[in-house]
Amino acid sequence: MSGERRPLAPRPLTEPHPSRLAPEHPDRTRILAAHTAALTAGQAGYPDPATGLFVLTAGFLARRGTCCGRGCRHCPYVDD
């Protein structure tokens, strides 16, 4: 996957693939709220609510145009 051009996955940018953020993740609601707020504001990312680490948004990753293959939480290219 690294660096290859791929079409975006057929899901909204606000919905991460379940392999990257499981539906039962204890912080899922807070993570999705932070992600949606960053997407709406046009920001590149947001601080993870639990760890404080900077997480890139699906919008930023989609604008980049390629998948880096690093397992990003909001990768808009993951569809399998």
PDB file of N, CA and C in Angstrom:
ATOM      1  N   MET A   1       0.802  -1.186   0.000  1.00  0.00           N
ATOM      2  CA  MET A   1       0.000   0.000   0.000  1.00  0.00           C
ATOM      3  C   MET A   1       0.850   1.256   0.000  1.00  0.00           C
ATOM      4  N   SER A   2       2.014   1.211   0.468  1.00  0.00           N
ATOM      5  CA  SER A   2       2.832   2.387   0.676  1.00  0.00           C
ATOM      6  C   SER A   2       3.014   3.218  -0.587  1.00  0.00           C
ATOM      7  N   GLY A   3       2.499   4.454  -0.537  1.00  0.00           N
ATOM      8  CA  GLY A   3       2.696   5.397  -1.608  1.00  0.00           C
ATOM      9  C   GLY A   3       1.924   5.140  -2.886  1.00  0.00           C
ATOM     10  N   GLU A   4       1.121   4.116  -2.945  1.00  0.00           N
ATOM     11  CA  GLU A   4       0.416   3.825  -4.189  1.00  0.00           C
ATOM     12  C   GLU A   4      -0.896   4.594  -4.263  1.00  0.00           C
ATOM     13  N   ARG A   5      -1.216   5.042  -5.469  1.00  0.00           N
ATOM     14  CA  ARG A   5      -2.487   5.736  -5.691  1.00  0.00           C
ATOM     15  C   ARG A   5      -3.608   4.712  -5.680  1.00  0.00           C
ATOM     16  N   ARG A   6      -4.626   4.999  -4.895  1.00  0.00           N
ATOM     17  CA  ARG A   6      -5.796   4.122  -4.797  1.00  0.00           C
ATOM     18  C   ARG A   6      -7.024   4.986  -4.733  1.00  0.00           C
ATOM     19  N   PRO A   7      -8.166   4.454  -5.130  1.00  0.00           N
ATOM     20  CA  PRO A   7      -9.402   5.223  -4.945  1.00  0.00           C
ATOM     21  C   PRO A   7      -9.769   5.249  -3.462  1.00  0.00           C
ATOM     22  N   LEU A   8     -10.518   6.255  -3.085  1.00  0.00           N
ATOM     23  CA  LEU A   8     -10.995   6.314  -1.708  1.00  0.00           C
ATOM     24  C   LEU A   8     -11.968   5.173  -1.456  1.00  0.00           C
ATOM     25  N   ALA A   9     -11.994   4.696  -0.239  1.00  0.00           N
ATOM     26  CA  ALA A   9     -12.919   3.631   0.146  1.00  0.00           C
ATOM     27  C   ALA A   9     -14.356   4.154   0.057  1.00  0.00           C
ATOM     28  N   PRO A  10     -15.313   3.268  -0.207  1.00  0.00           N
ATOM     29  CA  PRO A  10     -16.716   3.688  -0.345  1.00  0.00           C
ATOM     30  C   PRO A  10     -17.418   3.875   1.006  1.00  0.00           C
ATOM     31  N   ARG A  11     -16.939   4.821   1.795  1.00  0.00           N
ATOM     32  CA  ARG A  11     -17.584   5.153   3.073  1.00  0.00           C
ATOM     33  C   ARG A  11     -17.298   6.633   3.352  1.00  0.00           C
ATOM     34  N   PRO A  12     -18.102   7.252   4.188  1.00  0.00           N
ATOM     35  CA  PRO A  12     -17.872   8.672   4.507  1.00  0.00           C
ATOM     36  C   PRO A  12     -16.519   8.872   5.192  1.00  0.00           C
ATOM     37  N   LEU A  13     -15.913  10.029   4.985  1.00  0.00           N
ATOM     38  CA  LEU A  13     -14.636  10.326   5.635  1.00  0.00           C
ATOM     39  C   LEU A  13     -14.766  10.364   7.154  1.00  0.00           C
ATOM     40  N   THR A  14     -15.972  10.522   7.642  1.00  0.00           N
ATOM     41  CA  THR A  14     -16.200  10.573   9.087  1.00  0.00           C
ATOM     42  C   THR A  14     -16.219   9.186   9.731  1.00  0.00           C
ATOM     43  N   GLU A  15     -16.231   8.133   8.923  1.00  0.00           N
ATOM     44  CA  GLU A  15     -16.338   6.764   9.454  1.00  0.00           C
ATOM     45  C   GLU A  15     -15.062   5.973   9.169  1.00  0.00           C
ATOM     46  N   PRO A  16     -14.240   5.730  10.194  1.00  0.00           N
ATOM     47  CA  PRO A  16     -13.023   4.945   9.982  1.00  0.00           C
ATOM     48  C   PRO A  16     -13.337   3.458   9.754  1.00  0.00           C
ATOM     49  N   HIS A  17     -12.448   2.790   9.079  1.00  0.00           N
ATOM     50  CA  HIS A  17     -12.608   1.342   8.872  1.00  0.00           C
ATOM     51  C   HIS A  17     -12.577   0.654  10.240  1.00  0.00           C
ATOM     52  N   PRO A  18     -13.429  -0.351  10.460  1.00  0.00           N
ATOM     53  CA  PRO A  18     -13.475  -1.015  11.773  1.00  0.00           C
ATOM     54  C   PRO A  18     -12.149  -1.640  12.204  1.00  0.00           C
ATOM     55  N   SER A  19     -11.287  -1.947  11.254  1.00  0.00           N
ATOM     56  CA  SER A  19      -9.980  -2.511  11.636  1.00  0.00           C
ATOM     57  C   SER A  19      -9.053  -1.444  12.208  1.00  0.00           C
ATOM     58  N   ARG A  20      -9.395  -0.184  11.990  1.00  0.00           N
ATOM     59  CA  ARG A  20      -8.571   0.928  12.483  1.00  0.00           C
ATOM     60  C   ARG A  20      -9.144   1.570  13.741  1.00  0.00           C
ATOM     61  N   LEU A  21     -10.459   1.487  13.905  1.00  0.00           N
ATOM     62  CA  LEU A  21     -11.123   1.965  15.124  1.00  0.00           C
ATOM     63  C   LEU A  21     -12.353   1.087  15.332  1.00  0.00           C
ATOM     64  N   ALA A  22     -12.200   0.126  16.208  1.00  0.00           N
ATOM     65  CA  ALA A  22     -13.253  -0.867  16.436  1.00  0.00           C
ATOM     66  C   ALA A  22     -14.514  -0.212  16.999  1.00  0.00           C
ATOM     67  N   PRO A  23     -15.673  -0.721  16.602  1.00  0.00           N
ATOM     68  CA  PRO A  23     -16.938  -0.183  17.129  1.00  0.00           C
ATOM     69  C   PRO A  23     -17.020  -0.231  18.656  1.00  0.00           C
ATOM     70  N   GLU A  24     -16.351  -1.174  19.266  1.00  0.00           N
ATOM     71  CA  GLU A  24     -16.412  -1.306  20.725  1.00  0.00           C
ATOM     72  C   GLU A  24     -15.273  -0.581  21.453  1.00  0.00           C
ATOM     73  N   HIS A  25     -14.459   0.182  20.732  1.00  0.00           N
ATOM     74  CA  HIS A  25     -13.353   0.919  21.366  1.00  0.00           C
ATOM     75  C   HIS A  25     -13.929   1.833  22.448  1.00  0.00           C
ATOM     76  N   PRO A  26     -13.360   1.828  23.655  1.00  0.00           N
ATOM     77  CA  PRO A  26     -13.934   2.603  24.760  1.00  0.00           C
ATOM     78  C   PRO A  26     -13.956   4.119  24.529  1.00  0.00           C
ATOM     79  N   ASP A  27     -13.081   4.648  23.707  1.00  0.00           N
ATOM     80  CA  ASP A  27     -13.044   6.090  23.448  1.00  0.00           C
ATOM     81  C   ASP A  27     -13.594   6.461  22.075  1.00  0.00           C
ATOM     82  N   ARG A  28     -14.280   5.527  21.428  1.00  0.00           N
ATOM     83  CA  ARG A  28     -14.750   5.753  20.056  1.00  0.00           C
ATOM     84  C   ARG A  28     -15.573   7.038  19.914  1.00  0.00           C
ATOM     85  N   THR A  29     -16.510   7.275  20.814  1.00  0.00           N
ATOM     86  CA  THR A  29     -17.364   8.459  20.716  1.00  0.00           C
ATOM     87  C   THR A  29     -16.535   9.735  20.797  1.00  0.00           C
ATOM     88  N   ARG A  30     -15.623   9.794  21.746  1.00  0.00           N
ATOM     89  CA  ARG A  30     -14.775  10.992  21.898  1.00  0.00           C
ATOM     90  C   ARG A  30     -13.835  11.155  20.703  1.00  0.00           C
ATOM     91  N   ILE A  31     -13.299  10.039  20.203  1.00  0.00           N
ATOM     92  CA  ILE A  31     -12.398  10.083  19.048  1.00  0.00           C
ATOM     93  C   ILE A  31     -13.140  10.595  17.815  1.00  0.00           C
ATOM     94  N   LEU A  32     -14.332  10.046  17.566  1.00  0.00           N
ATOM     95  CA  LEU A  32     -15.090  10.468  16.393  1.00  0.00           C
ATOM     96  C   LEU A  32     -15.535  11.923  16.503  1.00  0.00           C
ATOM     97  N   ALA A  33     -15.857  12.379  17.689  1.00  0.00           N
ATOM     98  CA  ALA A  33     -16.230  13.787  17.880  1.00  0.00           C
ATOM     99  C   ALA A  33     -15.037  14.700  17.589  1.00  0.00           C
ATOM    100  N   ALA A  34     -13.872  14.331  18.076  1.00  0.00           N
ATOM    101  CA  ALA A  34     -12.662  15.133  17.825  1.00  0.00           C
ATOM    102  C   ALA A  34     -12.313  15.123  16.338  1.00  0.00           C
ATOM    103  N   HIS A  35     -12.440  13.962  15.701  1.00  0.00           N
ATOM    104  CA  HIS A  35     -12.150  13.843  14.273  1.00  0.00           C
ATOM    105  C   HIS A  35     -13.120  14.692  13.452  1.00  0.00           C
ATOM    106  N   THR A  36     -14.408  14.597  13.747  1.00  0.00           N
ATOM    107  CA  THR A  36     -15.410  15.363  13.013  1.00  0.00           C
ATOM    108  C   THR A  36     -15.190  16.866  13.187  1.00  0.00           C
ATOM    109  N   ALA A  37     -14.866  17.291  14.389  1.00  0.00           N
ATOM    110  CA  ALA A  37     -14.598  18.717  14.630  1.00  0.00           C
ATOM    111  C   ALA A  37     -13.398  19.188  13.811  1.00  0.00           C
ATOM    112  N   ALA A  38     -12.346  18.382  13.756  1.00  0.00           N
ATOM    113  CA  ALA A  38     -11.154  18.744  12.974  1.00  0.00           C
ATOM    114  C   ALA A  38     -11.472  18.757  11.481  1.00  0.00           C
ATOM    115  N   LEU A  39     -12.244  17.775  11.007  1.00  0.00           N
ATOM    116  CA  LEU A  39     -12.647  17.750   9.594  1.00  0.00           C
ATOM    117  C   LEU A  39     -13.441  19.004   9.247  1.00  0.00           C
ATOM    118  N   THR A  40     -14.407  19.346  10.068  1.00  0.00           N
ATOM    119  CA  THR A  40     -15.266  20.499   9.835  1.00  0.00           C
ATOM    120  C   THR A  40     -14.458  21.795   9.797  1.00  0.00           C
ATOM    121  N   ALA A  41     -13.460  21.880  10.648  1.00  0.00           N
ATOM    122  CA  ALA A  41     -12.616  23.083  10.719  1.00  0.00           C
ATOM    123  C   ALA A  41     -11.529  23.088   9.642  1.00  0.00           C
ATOM    124  N   GLY A  42     -11.411  22.001   8.881  1.00  0.00           N
ATOM    125  CA  GLY A  42     -10.384  21.932   7.846  1.00  0.00           C
ATOM    126  C   GLY A  42      -8.984  21.731   8.388  1.00  0.00           C
ATOM    127  N   GLN A  43      -8.894  21.212   9.603  1.00  0.00           N
ATOM    128  CA  GLN A  43      -7.590  20.989  10.233  1.00  0.00           C
ATOM    129  C   GLN A  43      -6.983  19.673   9.765  1.00  0.00           C
ATOM    130  N   ALA A  44      -5.670  19.595   9.806  1.00  0.00           N
ATOM    131  CA  ALA A  44      -4.952  18.387   9.391  1.00  0.00           C
ATOM    132  C   ALA A  44      -5.153  17.240  10.364  1.00  0.00           C
ATOM    133  N   GLY A  45      -5.403  17.541  11.621  1.00  0.00           N
ATOM    134  CA  GLY A  45      -5.553  16.482  12.609  1.00  0.00           C
ATOM    135  C   GLY A  45      -6.072  17.015  13.926  1.00  0.00           C
ATOM    136  N   TYR A  46      -6.003  16.163  14.935  1.00  0.00           N
ATOM    137  CA  TYR A  46      -6.518  16.490  16.258  1.00  0.00           C
ATOM    138  C   TYR A  46      -5.725  15.708  17.292  1.00  0.00           C
ATOM    139  N   PRO A  47      -5.687  16.184  18.541  1.00  0.00           N
ATOM    140  CA  PRO A  47      -5.046  15.408  19.599  1.00  0.00           C
ATOM    141  C   PRO A  47      -5.968  14.266  20.032  1.00  0.00           C
ATOM    142  N   ASP A  48      -5.438  13.078  20.090  1.00  0.00           N
ATOM    143  CA  ASP A  48      -6.221  11.925  20.529  1.00  0.00           C
ATOM    144  C   ASP A  48      -6.730  12.200  21.945  1.00  0.00           C
ATOM    145  N   PRO A  49      -8.032  12.017  22.188  1.00  0.00           N
ATOM    146  CA  PRO A  49      -8.592  12.311  23.510  1.00  0.00           C
ATOM    147  C   PRO A  49      -7.975  11.511  24.655  1.00  0.00           C
ATOM    148  N   ALA A  50      -7.497  10.317  24.391  1.00  0.00           N
ATOM    149  CA  ALA A  50      -6.945   9.481  25.463  1.00  0.00           C
ATOM    150  C   ALA A  50      -5.437   9.663  25.640  1.00  0.00           C
ATOM    151  N   THR A  51      -4.710   9.792  24.534  1.00  0.00           N
ATOM    152  CA  THR A  51      -3.250   9.803  24.623  1.00  0.00           C
ATOM    153  C   THR A  51      -2.621  11.170  24.391  1.00  0.00           C
ATOM    154  N   GLY A  52      -3.362  12.068  23.727  1.00  0.00           N
ATOM    155  CA  GLY A  52      -2.807  13.370  23.394  1.00  0.00           C
ATOM    156  C   GLY A  52      -1.952  13.361  22.131  1.00  0.00           C
ATOM    157  N   LEU A  53      -1.736  12.189  21.543  1.00  0.00           N
ATOM    158  CA  LEU A  53      -0.949  12.113  20.319  1.00  0.00           C
ATOM    159  C   LEU A  53      -1.721  12.742  19.164  1.00  0.00           C
ATOM    160  N   PHE A  54      -1.008  13.333  18.204  1.00  0.00           N
ATOM    161  CA  PHE A  54      -1.635  13.974  17.060  1.00  0.00           C
ATOM    162  C   PHE A  54      -2.056  12.915  16.045  1.00  0.00           C
ATOM    163  N   VAL A  55      -3.332  12.955  15.629  1.00  0.00           N
ATOM    164  CA  VAL A  55      -3.891  11.984  14.697  1.00  0.00           C
ATOM    165  C   VAL A  55      -4.356  12.738  13.448  1.00  0.00           C
ATOM    166  N   LEU A  56      -3.925  12.287  12.281  1.00  0.00           N
ATOM    167  CA  LEU A  56      -4.322  12.920  11.024  1.00  0.00           C
ATOM    168  C   LEU A  56      -5.767  12.589  10.680  1.00  0.00           C
ATOM    169  N   THR A  57      -6.466  13.545  10.090  1.00  0.00           N
ATOM    170  CA  THR A  57      -7.851  13.318   9.693  1.00  0.00           C
ATOM    171  C   THR A  57      -7.922  12.616   8.347  1.00  0.00           C
ATOM    172  N   ALA A  58      -9.063  12.021   8.078  1.00  0.00           N
ATOM    173  CA  ALA A  58      -9.293  11.374   6.788  1.00  0.00           C
ATOM    174  C   ALA A  58      -9.242  12.400   5.665  1.00  0.00           C
ATOM    175  N   GLY A  59      -9.699  13.625   5.923  1.00  0.00           N
ATOM    176  CA  GLY A  59      -9.653  14.680   4.913  1.00  0.00           C
ATOM    177  C   GLY A  59      -8.238  15.013   4.514  1.00  0.00           C
ATOM    178  N   PHE A  60      -7.361  15.164   5.494  1.00  0.00           N
ATOM    179  CA  PHE A  60      -5.959  15.449   5.203  1.00  0.00           C
ATOM    180  C   PHE A  60      -5.339  14.306   4.413  1.00  0.00           C
ATOM    181  N   LEU A  61      -5.594  13.083   4.854  1.00  0.00           N
ATOM    182  CA  LEU A  61      -5.017  11.913   4.187  1.00  0.00           C
ATOM    183  C   LEU A  61      -5.552  11.765   2.764  1.00  0.00           C
ATOM    184  N   ALA A  62      -6.825  12.076   2.547  1.00  0.00           N
ATOM    185  CA  ALA A  62      -7.402  11.995   1.202  1.00  0.00           C
ATOM    186  C   ALA A  62      -6.774  13.042   0.286  1.00  0.00           C
ATOM    187  N   ARG A  63      -6.556  14.246   0.797  1.00  0.00           N
ATOM    188  CA  ARG A  63      -5.931  15.303  -0.013  1.00  0.00           C
ATOM    189  C   ARG A  63      -4.496  14.950  -0.387  1.00  0.00           C
ATOM    190  N   ARG A  64      -3.844  14.161   0.440  1.00  0.00           N
ATOM    191  CA  ARG A  64      -2.466  13.751   0.146  1.00  0.00           C
ATOM    192  C   ARG A  64      -2.418  12.884  -1.105  1.00  0.00           C
ATOM    193  N   GLY A  65      -3.475  12.119  -1.348  1.00  0.00           N
ATOM    194  CA  GLY A  65      -3.605  11.387  -2.601  1.00  0.00           C
ATOM    195  C   GLY A  65      -3.052   9.982  -2.636  1.00  0.00           C
ATOM    196  N   THR A  66      -2.337   9.572  -1.606  1.00  0.00           N
ATOM    197  CA  THR A  66      -1.800   8.212  -1.565  1.00  0.00           C
ATOM    198  C   THR A  66      -1.854   7.664  -0.144  1.00  0.00           C
ATOM    199  N   CYS A  67      -1.810   6.359  -0.048  1.00  0.00           N
ATOM    200  CA  CYS A  67      -1.744   5.690   1.251  1.00  0.00           C
ATOM    201  C   CYS A  67      -0.276   5.506   1.615  1.00  0.00           C
ATOM    202  N   CYS A  68       0.069   5.854   2.833  1.00  0.00           N
ATOM    203  CA  CYS A  68       1.461   5.718   3.270  1.00  0.00           C
ATOM    204  C   CYS A  68       1.764   4.316   3.807  1.00  0.00           C
ATOM    205  N   GLY A  69       0.712   3.532   4.098  1.00  0.00           N
ATOM    206  CA  GLY A  69       0.914   2.177   4.580  1.00  0.00           C
ATOM    207  C   GLY A  69       1.304   2.080   6.043  1.00  0.00           C
ATOM    208  N   ARG A  70       1.124   3.150   6.810  1.00  0.00           N
ATOM    209  CA  ARG A  70       1.538   3.158   8.216  1.00  0.00           C
ATOM    210  C   ARG A  70       0.422   2.843   9.195  1.00  0.00           C
ATOM    211  N   GLY A  71      -0.755   2.511   8.695  1.00  0.00           N
ATOM    212  CA  GLY A  71      -1.846   2.123   9.586  1.00  0.00           C
ATOM    213  C   GLY A  71      -2.594   3.269  10.218  1.00  0.00           C
ATOM    214  N   CYS A  72      -2.702   4.382   9.530  1.00  0.00           N
ATOM    215  CA  CYS A  72      -3.394   5.554  10.068  1.00  0.00           C
ATOM    216  C   CYS A  72      -4.827   5.207  10.476  1.00  0.00           C
ATOM    217  N   ARG A  73      -5.241   5.738  11.613  1.00  0.00           N
ATOM    218  CA  ARG A  73      -6.573   5.457  12.156  1.00  0.00           C
ATOM    219  C   ARG A  73      -7.682   5.833  11.181  1.00  0.00           C
ATOM    220  N   HIS A  74      -7.546   6.954  10.506  1.00  0.00           N
ATOM    221  CA  HIS A  74      -8.609   7.451   9.639  1.00  0.00           C
ATOM    222  C   HIS A  74      -8.259   7.317   8.154  1.00  0.00           C
ATOM    223  N   CYS A  75      -7.433   6.342   7.814  1.00  0.00           N
ATOM    224  CA  CYS A  75      -7.037   6.155   6.411  1.00  0.00           C
ATOM    225  C   CYS A  75      -8.271   6.019   5.523  1.00  0.00           C
ATOM    226  N   PRO A  76      -8.422   6.913   4.543  1.00  0.00           N
ATOM    227  CA  PRO A  76      -9.607   6.852   3.684  1.00  0.00           C
ATOM    228  C   PRO A  76      -9.469   5.849   2.543  1.00  0.00           C
ATOM    229  N   TYR A  77      -8.360   5.130   2.486  1.00  0.00           N
ATOM    230  CA  TYR A  77      -8.125   4.178   1.396  1.00  0.00           C
ATOM    231  C   TYR A  77      -8.406   2.734   1.797  1.00  0.00           C
ATOM    232  N   VAL A  78      -8.408   2.422   3.081  1.00  0.00           N
ATOM    233  CA  VAL A  78      -8.607   1.065   3.560  1.00  0.00           C
ATOM    234  C   VAL A  78     -10.039   0.629   3.285  1.00  0.00           C
ATOM    235  N   ASP A  79     -10.190  -0.462   2.557  1.00  0.00           N
ATOM    236  CA  ASP A  79     -11.543  -0.942   2.281  1.00  0.00           C
ATOM    237  C   ASP A  79     -11.661  -2.458   2.402  1.00  0.00           C
ATOM    238  N   ASP A  80     -10.624  -3.131   2.841  1.00  0.00           N
ATOM    239  CA  ASP A  80     -10.705  -4.584   2.981  1.00  0.00           C
ATOM    240  C   ASP A  80     -10.312  -5.029   4.363  1.00  0.00           C
TER     241      ASP A  80
END
